């Protein structure tokens, strides 16, 4: 008598086990990347990287301290769910 596992397999694992039992050498075909994904213009990639490297620092330099503080507070409220009213707790 075969020992049985007490753990149930999820549907993907069960399907893979059935496939392996029927055709052990069957492997799914790997999807081929699109031509657009393969061919990127190196000059455009370099230019985008250059802008990305200096963009945040240039923006922060341009903004006033008060405006940077306001942006940071807004981001914190969105991230942590603060309403901006009351004592500042998550339930406030």
Foldseek 3Di string as FASTA:
>chain_A
DDDDDPDDDPPVVVVVVVVCVVPVPDDDDDDDDDPVVVDDDPVVVVVVVVCVVCVVVVVVVPDDPVVVVVVVVVVCCVVLVFPPDDPTDNVD
